[in-house]
Amino acid sequence: MTGWFLASLHHVVFVGLIVMLATQMALLKLDPVPVQRIARLDIGYGATAGLMVLVGIARVIWGEKGWAYYAGNHMFWGKMGLFVLIALASIRPTLIYLKWRKAQRKDGAFVPETKDVQAARTLVGNQMVLLVFVVIVAAGMARWPL
């Protein structure tokens, strides 16, 4: 029962990551970008990613397959590598949003520069692509203990 619960929670949290990234992408297409909203959403995205890691660790420790299954599974390590790449790709948009938020506090009429908006859109899009590969690798991980 614990394994099922943790697996279900892991999947629900993953869907949350996808929704938050898709929402960020949509907000980055608005003119002007709603700075405060996207900054708050990014905080939620970071918290959800942290929850994803915690639930994943719980699955490894208390799940049905156990550490030995994961430790010897190359797909698992590929999935972990992809997740690290996603985390790294999320740093720059977060820094951009923080810069925007600070600028908007100083000047209520602040509008983000097009180049910054485009950079954030590209990095958020890259994260979305990497999440697709996480799904593909996760499916392989569940089927082939390589």
N, C-alpha and C. Protein backbone atom coordinates (compact mmCIF):
# COMPACT_ATOMS: atom_id res chain seq x y z
N MET A 1 0.81 -1.19 0.00
CA MET A 1 0.00 0.00 0.00
C MET A 1 0.87 1.27 0.00
N THR A 2 1.95 1.25 0.78
CA THR A 2 2.85 2.40 0.83
C THR A 2 3.45 2.67 -0.55
N GLY A 3 3.88 1.61 -1.24
CA GLY A 3 4.46 1.77 -2.56
C GLY A 3 3.50 2.41 -3.54
N TRP A 4 2.25 1.96 -3.51
CA TRP A 4 1.22 2.53 -4.40
C TRP A 4 0.99 4.00 -4.08
N PHE A 5 0.87 4.32 -2.78
CA PHE A 5 0.65 5.70 -2.38
C PHE A 5 1.79 6.61 -2.84
N LEU A 6 3.03 6.17 -2.59
CA LEU A 6 4.18 6.98 -2.97
C LEU A 6 4.28 7.14 -4.49
N ALA A 7 4.01 6.07 -5.22
CA ALA A 7 4.04 6.15 -6.69
C ALA A 7 2.97 7.12 -7.19
N SER A 8 1.79 7.04 -6.62
CA SER A 8 0.70 7.94 -7.02
C SER A 8 1.05 9.38 -6.71
N LEU A 9 1.57 9.63 -5.51
CA LEU A 9 1.96 10.98 -5.12
C LEU A 9 3.07 11.51 -6.05
N HIS A 10 4.02 10.65 -6.39
CA HIS A 10 5.11 11.03 -7.29
C HIS A 10 4.56 11.48 -8.65
N HIS A 11 3.59 10.74 -9.17
CA HIS A 11 3.00 11.08 -10.46
C HIS A 11 2.18 12.38 -10.40
N VAL A 12 1.44 12.56 -9.33
CA VAL A 12 0.63 13.78 -9.17
C VAL A 12 1.55 15.00 -9.08
N VAL A 13 2.63 14.89 -8.32
CA VAL A 13 3.58 16.00 -8.20
C VAL A 13 4.22 16.29 -9.55
N PHE A 14 4.53 15.25 -10.31
CA PHE A 14 5.12 15.42 -11.65
C PHE A 14 4.15 16.19 -12.56
N VAL A 15 2.88 15.86 -12.49
CA VAL A 15 1.88 16.59 -13.28
C VAL A 15 1.88 18.06 -12.86
N GLY A 16 2.03 18.31 -11.55
CA GLY A 16 2.11 19.68 -11.07
C GLY A 16 3.27 20.44 -11.69
N LEU A 17 4.42 19.78 -11.83
CA LEU A 17 5.57 20.42 -12.47
C LEU A 17 5.25 20.80 -13.91
N ILE A 18 4.60 19.89 -14.62
CA ILE A 18 4.25 20.15 -16.01
C ILE A 18 3.28 21.34 -16.10
N VAL A 19 2.28 21.35 -15.25
CA VAL A 19 1.29 22.44 -15.26
C VAL A 19 1.96 23.78 -14.96
N MET A 20 2.86 23.79 -13.98
CA MET A 20 3.53 25.04 -13.63
C MET A 20 4.43 25.54 -14.75
N LEU A 21 5.13 24.64 -15.41
CA LEU A 21 5.97 25.07 -16.53
C LEU A 21 5.11 25.57 -17.69
N ALA A 22 4.03 24.87 -17.98
CA ALA A 22 3.15 25.31 -19.06
C ALA A 22 2.54 26.67 -18.74
N THR A 23 2.20 26.89 -17.48
CA THR A 23 1.66 28.19 -17.08
C THR A 23 2.72 29.28 -17.19
N GLN A 24 3.94 28.96 -16.79
CA GLN A 24 5.03 29.94 -16.97
C GLN A 24 5.17 30.32 -18.44
N MET A 25 5.14 29.31 -19.31
CA MET A 25 5.28 29.58 -20.74
C MET A 25 4.14 30.48 -21.22
N ALA A 26 2.94 30.21 -20.78
CA ALA A 26 1.79 31.04 -21.18
C ALA A 26 1.94 32.47 -20.67
N LEU A 27 2.37 32.62 -19.42
CA LEU A 27 2.54 33.96 -18.85
C LEU A 27 3.65 34.74 -19.56
N LEU A 28 4.67 34.02 -20.01
CA LEU A 28 5.77 34.68 -20.72
C LEU A 28 5.37 35.15 -22.11
N LYS A 29 4.21 34.72 -22.59
CA LYS A 29 3.71 35.17 -23.89
C LYS A 29 2.81 36.39 -23.77
N LEU A 30 2.45 36.75 -22.55
CA LEU A 30 1.59 37.92 -22.34
C LEU A 30 2.41 39.20 -22.46
N ASP A 31 1.74 40.26 -22.88
CA ASP A 31 2.42 41.54 -23.00
C ASP A 31 1.60 42.61 -22.28
N PRO A 32 2.06 43.12 -21.16
CA PRO A 32 3.33 42.83 -20.52
C PRO A 32 3.26 41.55 -19.68
N VAL A 33 4.42 40.99 -19.40
CA VAL A 33 4.50 39.80 -18.56
C VAL A 33 4.05 40.17 -17.15
N PRO A 34 3.15 39.37 -16.57
CA PRO A 34 2.71 39.65 -15.19
C PRO A 34 3.80 39.22 -14.19
N VAL A 35 4.68 40.15 -13.89
CA VAL A 35 5.90 39.86 -13.13
C VAL A 35 5.64 39.21 -11.78
N GLN A 36 4.77 39.80 -10.98
CA GLN A 36 4.52 39.26 -9.64
C GLN A 36 3.93 37.85 -9.72
N ARG A 37 3.04 37.66 -10.65
CA ARG A 37 2.39 36.35 -10.80
C ARG A 37 3.39 35.27 -11.20
N ILE A 38 4.24 35.59 -12.18
CA ILE A 38 5.19 34.58 -12.64
C ILE A 38 6.25 34.31 -11.56
N ALA A 39 6.61 35.33 -10.79
CA ALA A 39 7.58 35.13 -9.71
C ALA A 39 7.00 34.21 -8.63
N ARG A 40 5.73 34.41 -8.28
CA ARG A 40 5.08 33.53 -7.29
C ARG A 40 4.96 32.11 -7.82
N LEU A 41 4.62 32.00 -9.09
CA LEU A 41 4.51 30.68 -9.71
C LEU A 41 5.85 29.96 -9.69
N ASP A 42 6.93 30.70 -9.92
CA ASP A 42 8.25 30.10 -9.91
C ASP A 42 8.62 29.59 -8.52
N ILE A 43 8.19 30.29 -7.49
CA ILE A 43 8.41 29.81 -6.12
C ILE A 43 7.68 28.48 -5.92
N GLY A 44 6.45 28.42 -6.39
CA GLY A 44 5.69 27.17 -6.31
C GLY A 44 6.34 26.04 -7.10
N TYR A 45 6.89 26.39 -8.25
CA TYR A 45 7.59 25.40 -9.09
C TYR A 45 8.79 24.83 -8.33
N GLY A 46 9.56 25.71 -7.70
CA GLY A 46 10.71 25.25 -6.93
C GLY A 46 10.30 24.36 -5.77
N ALA A 47 9.25 24.76 -5.07
CA ALA A 47 8.76 23.96 -3.95
C ALA A 47 8.26 22.60 -4.43
N THR A 48 7.58 22.59 -5.56
CA THR A 48 7.06 21.33 -6.11
C THR A 48 8.21 20.43 -6.55
N ALA A 49 9.25 21.02 -7.14
CA ALA A 49 10.42 20.22 -7.53
C ALA A 49 11.08 19.62 -6.29
N GLY A 50 11.16 20.40 -5.21
CA GLY A 50 11.70 19.87 -3.97
C GLY A 50 10.86 18.73 -3.42
N LEU A 51 9.54 18.88 -3.49
CA LEU A 51 8.64 17.81 -3.06
C LEU A 51 8.83 16.57 -3.92
N MET A 52 9.06 16.78 -5.22
CA MET A 52 9.30 15.66 -6.14
C MET A 52 10.52 14.86 -5.69
N VAL A 53 11.57 15.57 -5.33
CA VAL A 53 12.79 14.91 -4.86
C VAL A 53 12.51 14.13 -3.57
N LEU A 54 11.82 14.75 -2.63
CA LEU A 54 11.52 14.08 -1.36
C LEU A 54 10.66 12.83 -1.55
N VAL A 55 9.64 12.94 -2.39
CA VAL A 55 8.78 11.78 -2.65
C VAL A 55 9.59 10.70 -3.37
N GLY A 56 10.45 11.10 -4.29
CA GLY A 56 11.31 10.13 -4.99
C GLY A 56 12.22 9.40 -4.02
N ILE A 57 12.81 10.13 -3.09
CA ILE A 57 13.66 9.49 -2.08
C ILE A 57 12.85 8.52 -1.23
N ALA A 58 11.65 8.94 -0.86
CA ALA A 58 10.77 8.06 -0.08
C ALA A 58 10.44 6.78 -0.86
N ARG A 59 10.24 6.90 -2.17
CA ARG A 59 9.97 5.71 -2.99
C ARG A 59 11.17 4.77 -2.99
N VAL A 60 12.35 5.34 -3.08
CA VAL A 60 13.56 4.51 -3.09
C VAL A 60 13.71 3.79 -1.75
N ILE A 61 13.43 4.50 -0.66
CA ILE A 61 13.61 3.91 0.68
C ILE A 61 12.48 2.95 1.05
N TRP A 62 11.23 3.40 0.87
CA TRP A 62 10.09 2.63 1.37
C TRP A 62 9.25 1.98 0.29
N GLY A 63 9.60 2.19 -0.96
CA GLY A 63 8.83 1.61 -2.05
C GLY A 63 9.08 0.11 -2.18
N GLU A 64 8.31 -0.51 -3.03
CA GLU A 64 8.36 -1.96 -3.18
C GLU A 64 9.65 -2.47 -3.81
N LYS A 65 10.26 -1.66 -4.67
CA LYS A 65 11.43 -2.15 -5.41
C LYS A 65 12.72 -2.06 -4.61
N GLY A 66 12.85 -1.08 -3.76
CA GLY A 66 14.03 -0.95 -2.92
C GLY A 66 15.23 -0.37 -3.64
N TRP A 67 16.23 0.01 -2.82
CA TRP A 67 17.42 0.68 -3.32
C TRP A 67 18.18 -0.15 -4.35
N ALA A 68 18.29 -1.44 -4.14
CA ALA A 68 19.08 -2.29 -5.05
C ALA A 68 18.55 -2.20 -6.48
N TYR A 69 17.24 -2.17 -6.63
CA TYR A 69 16.65 -2.05 -7.96
C TYR A 69 17.08 -0.75 -8.63
N TYR A 70 16.98 0.35 -7.90
CA TYR A 70 17.29 1.66 -8.46
C TYR A 70 18.79 1.83 -8.69
N ALA A 71 19.58 1.40 -7.73
CA ALA A 71 21.04 1.59 -7.83
C ALA A 71 21.62 0.91 -9.06
N GLY A 72 21.05 -0.21 -9.45
CA GLY A 72 21.57 -0.95 -10.60
C GLY A 72 20.86 -0.65 -11.90
N ASN A 73 19.98 0.33 -11.91
CA ASN A 73 19.18 0.62 -13.09
C ASN A 73 19.72 1.87 -13.79
N HIS A 74 20.31 1.68 -14.97
CA HIS A 74 20.89 2.80 -15.70
C HIS A 74 19.83 3.85 -16.09
N MET A 75 18.61 3.39 -16.35
CA MET A 75 17.54 4.33 -16.68
C MET A 75 17.26 5.26 -15.50
N PHE A 76 17.32 4.72 -14.29
CA PHE A 76 17.13 5.54 -13.09
C PHE A 76 18.16 6.65 -13.04
N TRP A 77 19.41 6.30 -13.30
CA TRP A 77 20.48 7.31 -13.25
C TRP A 77 20.33 8.31 -14.39
N GLY A 78 19.84 7.85 -15.53
CA GLY A 78 19.54 8.78 -16.62
C GLY A 78 18.45 9.75 -16.22
N LYS A 79 17.44 9.25 -15.55
CA LYS A 79 16.34 10.09 -15.07
C LYS A 79 16.86 11.11 -14.06
N MET A 80 17.74 10.68 -13.17
CA MET A 80 18.32 11.60 -12.19
C MET A 80 19.15 12.68 -12.90
N GLY A 81 19.90 12.28 -13.92
CA GLY A 81 20.68 13.24 -14.68
C GLY A 81 19.80 14.28 -15.36
N LEU A 82 18.71 13.81 -15.94
CA LEU A 82 17.77 14.74 -16.59
C LEU A 82 17.17 15.71 -15.57
N PHE A 83 16.85 15.19 -14.39
CA PHE A 83 16.27 16.05 -13.37
C PHE A 83 17.27 17.12 -12.92
N VAL A 84 18.55 16.75 -12.85
CA VAL A 84 19.59 17.73 -12.51
C VAL A 84 19.68 18.79 -13.61
N LEU A 85 19.62 18.37 -14.88
CA LEU A 85 19.65 19.33 -15.99
C LEU A 85 18.46 20.29 -15.91
N ILE A 86 17.30 19.77 -15.56
CA ILE A 86 16.11 20.62 -15.42
C ILE A 86 16.33 21.63 -14.29
N ALA A 87 16.88 21.16 -13.18
CA ALA A 87 17.15 22.07 -12.06
C ALA A 87 18.13 23.17 -12.47
N LEU A 88 19.17 22.79 -13.19
CA LEU A 88 20.14 23.79 -13.64
C LEU A 88 19.50 24.78 -14.62
N ALA A 89 18.65 24.27 -15.51
CA ALA A 89 17.98 25.14 -16.49
C ALA A 89 16.98 26.07 -15.82
N SER A 90 16.55 25.74 -14.61
CA SER A 90 15.56 26.59 -13.92
C SER A 90 16.20 27.74 -13.17
N ILE A 91 17.52 27.72 -13.00
CA ILE A 91 18.18 28.76 -12.21
C ILE A 91 18.09 30.12 -12.90
N ARG A 92 18.43 30.18 -14.18
CA ARG A 92 18.45 31.48 -14.86
C ARG A 92 17.06 32.13 -14.93
N PRO A 93 16.00 31.40 -15.29
CA PRO A 93 14.69 32.06 -15.25
C PRO A 93 14.34 32.58 -13.86
N THR A 94 14.69 31.84 -12.83
CA THR A 94 14.42 32.30 -11.47
C THR A 94 15.15 33.61 -11.20
N LEU A 95 16.40 33.69 -11.61
CA LEU A 95 17.17 34.92 -11.42
C LEU A 95 16.57 36.08 -12.22
N ILE A 96 16.10 35.78 -13.42
CA ILE A 96 15.44 36.80 -14.24
C ILE A 96 14.18 37.31 -13.54
N TYR A 97 13.36 36.38 -13.05
CA TYR A 97 12.12 36.77 -12.38
C TYR A 97 12.40 37.61 -11.14
N LEU A 98 13.44 37.23 -10.38
CA LEU A 98 13.79 38.00 -9.19
C LEU A 98 14.23 39.42 -9.56
N LYS A 99 14.99 39.52 -10.65
CA LYS A 99 15.43 40.84 -11.14
C LYS A 99 14.21 41.68 -11.54
N TRP A 100 13.26 41.06 -12.24
CA TRP A 100 12.05 41.77 -12.66
C TRP A 100 11.25 42.24 -11.44
N ARG A 101 11.13 41.34 -10.48
CA ARG A 101 10.34 41.66 -9.29
C ARG A 101 10.94 42.86 -8.54
N LYS A 102 12.26 42.83 -8.41
CA LYS A 102 12.96 43.93 -7.74
C LYS A 102 12.75 45.23 -8.52
N ALA A 103 12.89 45.17 -9.83
CA ALA A 103 12.72 46.36 -10.67
C ALA A 103 11.29 46.89 -10.58
N GLN A 104 10.32 45.98 -10.52
CA GLN A 104 8.93 46.42 -10.46
C GLN A 104 8.59 47.03 -9.10
N ARG A 105 9.26 46.58 -8.06
CA ARG A 105 9.06 47.19 -6.74
C ARG A 105 9.55 48.64 -6.73
N LYS A 106 10.66 48.87 -7.44
CA LYS A 106 11.22 50.22 -7.52
C LYS A 106 10.41 51.11 -8.44
N ASP A 107 9.91 50.50 -9.54
CA ASP A 107 9.17 51.27 -10.55
C ASP A 107 7.95 50.46 -10.96
N GLY A 108 6.79 50.88 -10.49
CA GLY A 108 5.56 50.15 -10.78
C GLY A 108 5.24 50.03 -12.26
N ALA A 109 5.85 50.88 -13.08
CA ALA A 109 5.61 50.84 -14.53
C ALA A 109 6.63 49.97 -15.27
N PHE A 110 7.48 49.28 -14.50
CA PHE A 110 8.53 48.45 -15.12
C PHE A 110 7.92 47.40 -16.05
N VAL A 111 8.54 47.26 -17.21
CA VAL A 111 8.17 46.21 -18.18
C VAL A 111 9.46 45.47 -18.54
N PRO A 112 9.45 44.14 -18.43
CA PRO A 112 10.66 43.37 -18.74
C PRO A 112 11.14 43.58 -20.18
N GLU A 113 12.45 43.54 -20.35
CA GLU A 113 13.03 43.68 -21.68
C GLU A 113 12.72 42.43 -22.51
N THR A 114 12.53 42.64 -23.79
CA THR A 114 12.20 41.54 -24.70
C THR A 114 13.24 40.44 -24.66
N LYS A 115 14.52 40.80 -24.60
CA LYS A 115 15.59 39.79 -24.60
C LYS A 115 15.51 38.91 -23.34
N ASP A 116 15.16 39.50 -22.21
CA ASP A 116 15.01 38.71 -20.97
C ASP A 116 13.80 37.79 -21.05
N VAL A 117 12.71 38.31 -21.60
CA VAL A 117 11.51 37.49 -21.76
C VAL A 117 11.82 36.31 -22.68
N GLN A 118 12.50 36.57 -23.78
CA GLN A 118 12.84 35.52 -24.73
C GLN A 118 13.77 34.49 -24.10
N ALA A 119 14.74 34.94 -23.33
CA ALA A 119 15.66 34.01 -22.66
C ALA A 119 14.89 33.11 -21.69
N ALA A 120 13.98 33.70 -20.92
CA ALA A 120 13.18 32.91 -19.97
C ALA A 120 12.31 31.91 -20.72
N ARG A 121 11.69 32.35 -21.83
CA ARG A 121 10.85 31.44 -22.62
C ARG A 121 11.65 30.26 -23.15
N THR A 122 12.85 30.54 -23.64
CA THR A 122 13.69 29.48 -24.18
C THR A 122 14.05 28.47 -23.09
N LEU A 123 14.45 28.98 -21.92
CA LEU A 123 14.85 28.08 -20.83
C LEU A 123 13.67 27.29 -20.27
N VAL A 124 12.52 27.92 -20.17
CA VAL A 124 11.33 27.19 -19.72
C VAL A 124 10.96 26.13 -20.76
N GLY A 125 11.04 26.48 -22.04
CA GLY A 125 10.78 25.51 -23.10
C GLY A 125 11.75 24.34 -23.05
N ASN A 126 13.03 24.63 -22.77
CA ASN A 126 14.02 23.56 -22.64
C ASN A 126 13.67 22.62 -21.49
N GLN A 127 13.20 23.19 -20.39
CA GLN A 127 12.80 22.37 -19.25
C GLN A 127 11.63 21.46 -19.64
N MET A 128 10.70 22.00 -20.40
CA MET A 128 9.55 21.20 -20.83
C MET A 128 10.00 20.03 -21.70
N VAL A 129 10.93 20.29 -22.60
CA VAL A 129 11.45 19.21 -23.46
C VAL A 129 12.15 18.16 -22.60
N LEU A 130 12.95 18.59 -21.65
CA LEU A 130 13.63 17.64 -20.77
C LEU A 130 12.63 16.81 -19.96
N LEU A 131 11.51 17.42 -19.55
CA LEU A 131 10.49 16.66 -18.83
C LEU A 131 9.89 15.56 -19.69
N VAL A 132 9.78 15.81 -20.99
CA VAL A 132 9.29 14.76 -21.90
C VAL A 132 10.26 13.57 -21.87
N PHE A 133 11.55 13.87 -21.88
CA PHE A 133 12.54 12.79 -21.82
C PHE A 133 12.52 12.08 -20.47
N VAL A 134 12.20 12.80 -19.39
CA VAL A 134 12.06 12.15 -18.08
C VAL A 134 10.95 11.11 -18.15
N VAL A 135 9.84 11.44 -18.79
CA VAL A 135 8.73 10.47 -18.93
C VAL A 135 9.18 9.25 -19.71
N ILE A 136 9.90 9.47 -20.79
CA ILE A 136 10.37 8.36 -21.64
C ILE A 136 11.33 7.46 -20.86
N VAL A 137 12.27 8.07 -20.16
CA VAL A 137 13.23 7.29 -19.38
C VAL A 137 12.54 6.58 -18.21
N ALA A 138 11.58 7.25 -17.59
CA ALA A 138 10.85 6.62 -16.47
C ALA A 138 10.10 5.39 -16.95
N ALA A 139 9.51 5.46 -18.12
CA ALA A 139 8.81 4.29 -18.66
C ALA A 139 9.80 3.15 -18.90
N GLY A 140 10.97 3.47 -19.41
CA GLY A 140 11.99 2.45 -19.60
C GLY A 140 12.49 1.90 -18.29
N MET A 141 12.64 2.78 -17.32
CA MET A 141 13.13 2.37 -15.99
C MET A 141 12.20 1.34 -15.35
N ALA A 142 10.90 1.55 -15.52
CA ALA A 142 9.92 0.66 -14.92
C ALA A 142 9.88 -0.71 -15.61
N ARG A 143 10.37 -0.78 -16.84
CA ARG A 143 10.25 -2.02 -17.60
C ARG A 143 11.54 -2.80 -17.76
N TRP A 144 12.65 -2.09 -17.79
CA TRP A 144 13.92 -2.76 -18.05
C TRP A 144 14.95 -2.44 -16.97
N PRO A 145 15.11 -3.32 -16.02
CA PRO A 145 16.14 -3.07 -15.00
C PRO A 145 17.53 -3.33 -15.58
N LEU A 146 18.04 -2.34 -16.31
CA LEU A 146 19.33 -2.48 -17.00
C LEU A 146 20.50 -2.23 -16.06
